[in-house]
Amino acid sequence: MKMFTKSIAFASALMLPAVAQAALPVGAKAPQIVTTGAKAGKEVTFNLRSALRKGPVVLYFYPKAFTQGCTLEAHAFAEATDDFAKYGASVVGMSADDVPTLRKFSSEECRDKFAVATATPATIKAYDVALSREGKPAGVTDRTSYVIAPNGKITFVHSELDYRDHVKLTLAAVKALKSGK
């Protein structure tokens, strides 16, 4: 009975609202990232500074590969990859997942369209994207999207666990960045 009660308590805790709040404001310098990830099932190194030399970067943090919301968000970003590319922007997903998981996720859910990379504890802290439940770290990142201009400045931030507006809002921010608005 004790084990059953603990299981119910754990499951209930997962349903409690999570606290997600991005601390990096628009105008802040984006912290440098160099990490390992995957694109199209192949291991890659992601270096934010190098990526910014090619244009704006949409850096989106998501909690966990292969969960419902993260899978749907990856599909949405995959469908919009060509739209981002029209404005010179690249998309990179970040989570605390390991590289073998990211290799599979990059092919199956990101549809080989964009890279996903490991958000190290240092990156999670630097971008203030640690998801907490009842004041305790949940061991995953929250769902926060940043648009970073080629000069390294953050031009847009959207932090919301509901995945549905992340693509639309970051694409609008990239368009505005391109048009100088």
C-alpha atoms as a PDB file:
ATOM      1  CA  MET A   1       0.000   0.000   0.000  1.00  0.00           C
ATOM      2  CA  LYS A   2       2.891   2.370   0.777  1.00  0.00           C
ATOM      3  CA  MET A   3       4.348   1.863  -2.701  1.00  0.00           C
ATOM      4  CA  PHE A   4       0.935   2.536  -4.280  1.00  0.00           C
ATOM      5  CA  THR A   5       0.591   5.753  -2.266  1.00  0.00           C
ATOM      6  CA  LYS A   6       4.085   6.880  -3.312  1.00  0.00           C
ATOM      7  CA  SER A   7       3.267   6.144  -6.965  1.00  0.00           C
ATOM      8  CA  ILE A   8       0.065   8.178  -6.749  1.00  0.00           C
ATOM      9  CA  ALA A   9       1.946  11.040  -5.056  1.00  0.00           C
ATOM     10  CA  PHE A  10       4.649  11.027  -7.766  1.00  0.00           C
ATOM     11  CA  ALA A  11       2.091  10.949 -10.594  1.00  0.00           C
ATOM     12  CA  SER A  12       0.157  13.780  -8.962  1.00  0.00           C
ATOM     13  CA  ALA A  13       3.320  15.867  -8.648  1.00  0.00           C
ATOM     14  CA  LEU A  14       3.882  15.550 -12.396  1.00  0.00           C
ATOM     15  CA  MET A  15       0.475  17.094 -13.002  1.00  0.00           C
ATOM     16  CA  LEU A  16       1.135  20.139 -10.805  1.00  0.00           C
ATOM     17  CA  PRO A  17       1.870  23.366 -12.606  1.00  0.00           C
ATOM     18  CA  ALA A  18       5.535  23.854 -13.278  1.00  0.00           C
ATOM     19  CA  VAL A  19       7.348  27.100 -12.797  1.00  0.00           C
ATOM     20  CA  ALA A  20       8.979  28.188 -16.034  1.00  0.00           C
ATOM     21  CA  GLN A  21      10.532  31.582 -16.366  1.00  0.00           C
ATOM     22  CA  ALA A  22      13.216  32.827 -18.684  1.00  0.00           C
ATOM     23  CA  ALA A  23      15.543  35.227 -16.956  1.00  0.00           C
ATOM     24  CA  LEU A  24      17.438  36.366 -20.027  1.00  0.00           C
ATOM     25  CA  PRO A  25      15.762  39.516 -21.278  1.00  0.00           C
ATOM     26  CA  VAL A  26      15.609  40.932 -24.761  1.00  0.00           C
ATOM     27  CA  GLY A  27      18.840  42.842 -25.362  1.00  0.00           C
ATOM     28  CA  ALA A  28      21.003  40.522 -23.254  1.00  0.00           C
ATOM     29  CA  LYS A  29      24.089  38.931 -24.770  1.00  0.00           C
ATOM     30  CA  ALA A  30      23.387  35.240 -25.407  1.00  0.00           C
ATOM     31  CA  PRO A  31      25.765  32.978 -23.470  1.00  0.00           C
ATOM     32  CA  GLN A  32      28.142  31.002 -25.690  1.00  0.00           C
ATOM     33  CA  ILE A  33      27.294  27.334 -26.249  1.00  0.00           C
ATOM     34  CA  VAL A  34      29.484  24.560 -27.583  1.00  0.00           C
ATOM     35  CA  THR A  35      27.896  21.141 -27.217  1.00  0.00           C
ATOM     36  CA  THR A  36      27.191  17.853 -28.922  1.00  0.00           C
ATOM     37  CA  GLY A  37      23.948  16.989 -30.624  1.00  0.00           C
ATOM     38  CA  ALA A  38      22.508  15.448 -33.750  1.00  0.00           C
ATOM     39  CA  LYS A  39      21.032  16.291 -37.115  1.00  0.00           C
ATOM     40  CA  ALA A  40      19.486  13.731 -39.448  1.00  0.00           C
ATOM     41  CA  GLY A  41      20.582  10.987 -37.056  1.00  0.00           C
ATOM     42  CA  LYS A  42      24.254  11.953 -37.205  1.00  0.00           C
ATOM     43  CA  GLU A  43      26.247  13.349 -34.318  1.00  0.00           C
ATOM     44  CA  VAL A  44      27.183  17.016 -34.711  1.00  0.00           C
ATOM     45  CA  THR A  45      28.867  19.717 -32.674  1.00  0.00           C
ATOM     46  CA  PHE A  46      26.815  22.851 -32.121  1.00  0.00           C
ATOM     47  CA  ASN A  47      28.720  26.087 -31.618  1.00  0.00           C
ATOM     48  CA  LEU A  48      26.468  29.125 -31.184  1.00  0.00           C
ATOM     49  CA  ARG A  49      29.150  31.614 -32.225  1.00  0.00           C
ATOM     50  CA  SER A  50      29.735  29.742 -35.507  1.00  0.00           C
ATOM     51  CA  ALA A  51      25.997  29.430 -36.155  1.00  0.00           C
ATOM     52  CA  LEU A  52      25.497  33.185 -35.671  1.00  0.00           C
ATOM     53  CA  ARG A  53      28.063  33.913 -38.404  1.00  0.00           C
ATOM     54  CA  LYS A  54      25.513  32.483 -40.850  1.00  0.00           C
ATOM     55  CA  GLY A  55      22.518  34.453 -39.528  1.00  0.00           C
ATOM     56  CA  PRO A  56      20.025  34.591 -36.671  1.00  0.00           C
ATOM     57  CA  VAL A  57      19.537  31.504 -34.511  1.00  0.00           C
ATOM     58  CA  VAL A  58      16.261  30.295 -33.059  1.00  0.00           C
ATOM     59  CA  LEU A  59      17.399  28.475 -29.939  1.00  0.00           C
ATOM     60  CA  TYR A  60      14.515  26.600 -28.426  1.00  0.00           C
ATOM     61  CA  PHE A  61      14.695  24.640 -25.198  1.00  0.00           C
ATOM     62  CA  TYR A  62      12.274  21.748 -24.723  1.00  0.00           C
ATOM     63  CA  PRO A  63      11.828  19.429 -21.723  1.00  0.00           C
ATOM     64  CA  LYS A  64      12.190  15.871 -23.028  1.00  0.00           C
ATOM     65  CA  ALA A  65      12.471  14.156 -26.408  1.00  0.00           C
ATOM     66  CA  PHE A  66       9.621  11.853 -27.428  1.00  0.00           C
ATOM     67  CA  THR A  67       7.101  13.351 -25.001  1.00  0.00           C
ATOM     68  CA  GLN A  68       3.860  14.530 -26.574  1.00  0.00           C
ATOM     69  CA  GLY A  69       4.385  18.312 -26.461  1.00  0.00           C
ATOM     70  CA  CYS A  70       8.055  18.104 -27.444  1.00  0.00           C
ATOM     71  CA  THR A  71       7.290  15.800 -30.361  1.00  0.00           C
ATOM     72  CA  LEU A  72       4.538  18.093 -31.632  1.00  0.00           C
ATOM     73  CA  GLU A  73       6.798  21.124 -31.241  1.00  0.00           C
ATOM     74  CA  ALA A  74       9.589  19.375 -33.177  1.00  0.00           C
ATOM     75  CA  HIS A  75       7.132  18.571 -35.975  1.00  0.00           C
ATOM     76  CA  ALA A  76       6.020  22.219 -36.097  1.00  0.00           C
ATOM     77  CA  PHE A  77       9.606  23.515 -36.247  1.00  0.00           C
ATOM     78  CA  ALA A  78      10.421  20.918 -38.939  1.00  0.00           C
ATOM     79  CA  GLU A  79       7.487  22.100 -41.047  1.00  0.00           C
ATOM     80  CA  ALA A  80       8.620  25.723 -40.679  1.00  0.00           C
ATOM     81  CA  THR A  81      12.352  25.172 -41.276  1.00  0.00           C
ATOM     82  CA  ASP A  82      12.170  26.427 -44.869  1.00  0.00           C
ATOM     83  CA  ASP A  83      10.314  29.550 -43.700  1.00  0.00           C
ATOM     84  CA  PHE A  84      13.057  30.283 -41.153  1.00  0.00           C
ATOM     85  CA  ALA A  85      15.695  29.686 -43.841  1.00  0.00           C
ATOM     86  CA  LYS A  86      14.051  32.313 -46.094  1.00  0.00           C
ATOM     87  CA  TYR A  87      15.025  34.865 -43.454  1.00  0.00           C
ATOM     88  CA  GLY A  88      18.519  33.441 -42.997  1.00  0.00           C
ATOM     89  CA  ALA A  89      17.733  31.855 -39.637  1.00  0.00           C
ATOM     90  CA  SER A  90      18.642  28.430 -38.355  1.00  0.00           C
ATOM     91  CA  VAL A  91      16.737  26.450 -35.731  1.00  0.00           C
ATOM     92  CA  VAL A  92      18.374  24.448 -32.940  1.00  0.00           C
ATOM     93  CA  GLY A  93      16.497  22.522 -30.270  1.00  0.00           C
ATOM     94  CA  MET A  94      18.093  22.058 -26.854  1.00  0.00           C
ATOM     95  CA  SER A  95      17.265  19.603 -24.082  1.00  0.00           C
ATOM     96  CA  ALA A  96      19.018  17.679 -21.324  1.00  0.00           C
ATOM     97  CA  ASP A  97      18.659  14.478 -23.378  1.00  0.00           C
ATOM     98  CA  ASP A  98      21.720  12.372 -24.192  1.00  0.00           C
ATOM     99  CA  VAL A  99      23.204  12.155 -27.690  1.00  0.00           C
ATOM    100  CA  PRO A 100      21.822   8.678 -28.566  1.00  0.00           C
ATOM    101  CA  THR A 101      18.316   9.954 -27.789  1.00  0.00           C
ATOM    102  CA  LEU A 102      18.953  13.124 -29.802  1.00  0.00           C
ATOM    103  CA  ARG A 103      20.190  11.123 -32.818  1.00  0.00           C
ATOM    104  CA  LYS A 104      16.917   9.216 -32.910  1.00  0.00           C
ATOM    105  CA  PHE A 105      14.780  12.308 -32.169  1.00  0.00           C
ATOM    106  CA  SER A 106      16.541  14.342 -34.893  1.00  0.00           C
ATOM    107  CA  SER A 107      15.520  11.829 -37.541  1.00  0.00           C
ATOM    108  CA  GLU A 108      12.146  10.656 -36.342  1.00  0.00           C
ATOM    109  CA  GLU A 109      10.584  13.824 -34.946  1.00  0.00           C
ATOM    110  CA  CYS A 110      12.707  16.688 -36.299  1.00  0.00           C
ATOM    111  CA  ARG A 111      12.457  14.967 -39.676  1.00  0.00           C
ATOM    112  CA  ASP A 112      16.142  15.586 -40.477  1.00  0.00           C
ATOM    113  CA  LYS A 113      15.391  19.323 -40.827  1.00  0.00           C
ATOM    114  CA  PHE A 114      17.313  20.875 -37.932  1.00  0.00           C
ATOM    115  CA  ALA A 115      19.803  20.059 -35.199  1.00  0.00           C
ATOM    116  CA  VAL A 116      19.001  19.196 -31.620  1.00  0.00           C
ATOM    117  CA  ALA A 117      21.714  19.427 -28.980  1.00  0.00           C
ATOM    118  CA  THR A 118      22.434  18.590 -25.378  1.00  0.00           C
ATOM    119  CA  ALA A 119      21.810  21.414 -22.945  1.00  0.00           C
ATOM    120  CA  THR A 120      24.530  20.882 -20.368  1.00  0.00           C
ATOM    121  CA  PRO A 121      23.922  21.894 -16.748  1.00  0.00           C
ATOM    122  CA  ALA A 122      26.060  24.991 -17.409  1.00  0.00           C
ATOM    123  CA  THR A 123      23.946  25.944 -20.441  1.00  0.00           C
ATOM    124  CA  ILE A 124      20.703  25.358 -18.528  1.00  0.00           C
ATOM    125  CA  LYS A 125      21.962  27.637 -15.777  1.00  0.00           C
ATOM    126  CA  ALA A 126      23.335  30.291 -18.165  1.00  0.00           C
ATOM    127  CA  TYR A 127      20.002  30.504 -20.026  1.00  0.00           C
ATOM    128  CA  ASP A 128      17.986  30.082 -16.794  1.00  0.00           C
ATOM    129  CA  VAL A 129      15.822  27.349 -18.276  1.00  0.00           C
ATOM    130  CA  ALA A 130      15.762  24.776 -15.469  1.00  0.00           C
ATOM    131  CA  LEU A 131      12.223  23.541 -14.968  1.00  0.00           C
ATOM    132  CA  SER A 132      11.143  23.389 -11.331  1.00  0.00           C
ATOM    133  CA  ARG A 133       8.161  21.707  -9.745  1.00  0.00           C
ATOM    134  CA  GLU A 134       7.197  22.780  -6.260  1.00  0.00           C
ATOM    135  CA  GLY A 135      10.497  24.652  -6.003  1.00  0.00           C
ATOM    136  CA  LYS A 136      12.630  21.595  -6.815  1.00  0.00           C
ATOM    137  CA  PRO A 137      14.567  20.984 -10.033  1.00  0.00           C
ATOM    138  CA  ALA A 138      12.713  18.582 -12.333  1.00  0.00           C
ATOM    139  CA  GLY A 139      15.891  17.526 -14.160  1.00  0.00           C
ATOM    140  CA  VAL A 140      14.704  18.910 -17.501  1.00  0.00           C
ATOM    141  CA  THR A 141      14.613  22.284 -19.229  1.00  0.00           C
ATOM    142  CA  ASP A 142      11.509  24.381 -19.476  1.00  0.00           C
ATOM    143  CA  ARG A 143      10.070  25.303 -22.869  1.00  0.00           C
ATOM    144  CA  THR A 144      11.710  28.601 -23.775  1.00  0.00           C
ATOM    145  CA  SER A 145      12.487  29.950 -27.226  1.00  0.00           C
ATOM    146  CA  TYR A 146      15.065  32.617 -27.944  1.00  0.00           C
ATOM    147  CA  VAL A 147      15.754  34.456 -31.189  1.00  0.00           C
ATOM    148  CA  ILE A 148      19.383  35.527 -31.231  1.00  0.00           C
ATOM    149  CA  ALA A 149      20.629  38.102 -33.740  1.00  0.00           C
ATOM    150  CA  PRO A 150      23.946  37.596 -35.551  1.00  0.00           C
ATOM    151  CA  ASN A 151      25.541  40.103 -33.138  1.00  0.00           C
ATOM    152  CA  GLY A 152      24.776  37.695 -30.266  1.00  0.00           C
ATOM    153  CA  LYS A 153      22.005  39.786 -28.727  1.00  0.00           C
ATOM    154  CA  ILE A 154      18.699  38.206 -27.739  1.00  0.00           C
ATOM    155  CA  THR A 155      15.922  39.884 -29.723  1.00  0.00           C
ATOM    156  CA  PHE A 156      12.960  37.746 -28.620  1.00  0.00           C
ATOM    157  CA  VAL A 157      12.066  35.452 -25.711  1.00  0.00           C
ATOM    158  CA  HIS A 158       8.998  33.262 -25.283  1.00  0.00           C
ATOM    159  CA  SER A 159       8.743  31.026 -22.222  1.00  0.00           C
ATOM    160  CA  GLU A 160       5.586  28.940 -22.080  1.00  0.00           C
ATOM    161  CA  LEU A 161       5.157  25.219 -21.481  1.00  0.00           C
ATOM    162  CA  ASP A 162       2.401  25.073 -24.096  1.00  0.00           C
ATOM    163  CA  TYR A 163       4.338  24.413 -27.302  1.00  0.00           C
ATOM    164  CA  ARG A 164       1.756  25.756 -29.745  1.00  0.00           C
ATOM    165  CA  ASP A 165       2.882  29.400 -30.121  1.00  0.00           C
ATOM    166  CA  HIS A 166       6.656  28.923 -30.142  1.00  0.00           C
ATOM    167  CA  VAL A 167       7.046  28.465 -33.903  1.00  0.00           C
ATOM    168  CA  LYS A 168       4.619  31.228 -34.868  1.00  0.00           C
ATOM    169  CA  LEU A 169       6.128  33.751 -32.460  1.00  0.00           C
ATOM    170  CA  THR A 170       9.777  32.994 -33.213  1.00  0.00           C
ATOM    171  CA  LEU A 171       9.122  33.133 -36.962  1.00  0.00           C
ATOM    172  CA  ALA A 172       7.459  36.534 -36.547  1.00  0.00           C
ATOM    173  CA  ALA A 173      10.485  37.699 -34.514  1.00  0.00           C
ATOM    174  CA  VAL A 174      12.896  36.476 -37.197  1.00  0.00           C
ATOM    175  CA  LYS A 175      10.866  38.288 -39.886  1.00  0.00           C
ATOM    176  CA  ALA A 176      10.912  41.481 -37.799  1.00  0.00           C
ATOM    177  CA  LEU A 177      14.664  41.128 -37.280  1.00  0.00           C
ATOM    178  CA  LYS A 178      15.217  40.748 -41.033  1.00  0.00           C
ATOM    179  CA  SER A 179      13.050  43.764 -41.840  1.00  0.00           C
ATOM    180  CA  GLY A 180      14.712  45.872 -39.126  1.00  0.00           C
ATOM    181  CA  LYS A 181      11.524  46.428 -37.125  1.00  0.00           C
END
